[in-house]
C-alpha cells in the first residue's frame, strides 16, 4: 500500500464511519480498486488504525458527553448521568463478545470479500429505508434498548453493514428520539475501538516497518480530519430525516459490487 492509497482509504473511513454507508465495506471495495494485496491481518491493522482516528474525532465532537460518561461511572449514584454511562458499557458487550469468540472468522472477512460486501450494503439500504419512514419517537434509552442496539453493532462487524446505520436505525425503530439515537450511536463505539487497540498492543499484533507506519499515520490524519466534518453533518441528517438518499446510495454501490464480483470471476 502506497501513501496515496493510504490517504485515499483514510478519507473513505473518515466519511463512511459516520455516514450510514458502511466504512468497513467501503474500505474493502477501495482496497480491491487500488489493488491492495495485504494479508487479512495487515489489512485489519490499517482498518483498526483508521477506526481509531474516527473514534478520536468522536471524542472531539462529543467531548462534553465523554467527560460526563467518565464522571458518571465513578459517581455510583442512580442518576441520569450514571445510567447513561452504564448503558454505553452494556451496549458494547455483544460486539466485544463477538470480537473475542469469533476473531479469526472476522479477520477472514477483511480480505476483499466483494460479494459479501455487496449483499450487506443492500441490507443496510433496506434498514435505512425502514428507519427513515418510521414515525418520530420521543422515548428515552433504557438498559433493554441498549442491549438491542449493541446487538445491532455486533452484527455490523460484517463488512457492508453500516455500524452507524444499523445502530441509529435500530434506535429509531425502538422509538428513541433521533438526535439521542445519533449521539448514542457515535459514543458507544469509542470504548470498543480503544479496547481493540489495547488488545492488539498487548498481544503484539500491532507491529510495522517504518514505511508501513508512515502509511498508517497518513491514513489516521486523513480519517480524523474528514471524520470531524462527517460527524457534524450526520447529526444534522438524522435530525432532518434524510436517510433515503443514503439507502439509495447503498443500493447502487451494493448492486455494483455484486455485479462486478461476478464479472471479475
Foldseek 3Di string as FASTA:
>chain_A
DAQVLLLVLLLLLLQQLQQQFFSLQVSLVSCVVVVPQDQLLLLVLLVLLSVLLLLVLLCVVPVVLVVLLVVLCPVPDPDPSVQLNVLLVLLQVLQVVCCVVVVVVLSVLSGNPLLQLLVLLLVLLVLLVVQLPADAADDDDHNVLSNVLSNQQNVSSRGNRRQLSSSQSSCSVVRHGNLVSSSSSSNSCSVVSVVVVVVCVVVVSDDDDPSVVSSSVSSSVSSNVSNNVNSVVSSVCSNVSPSNVSSVVSNVSSVVSNVVVVVVD
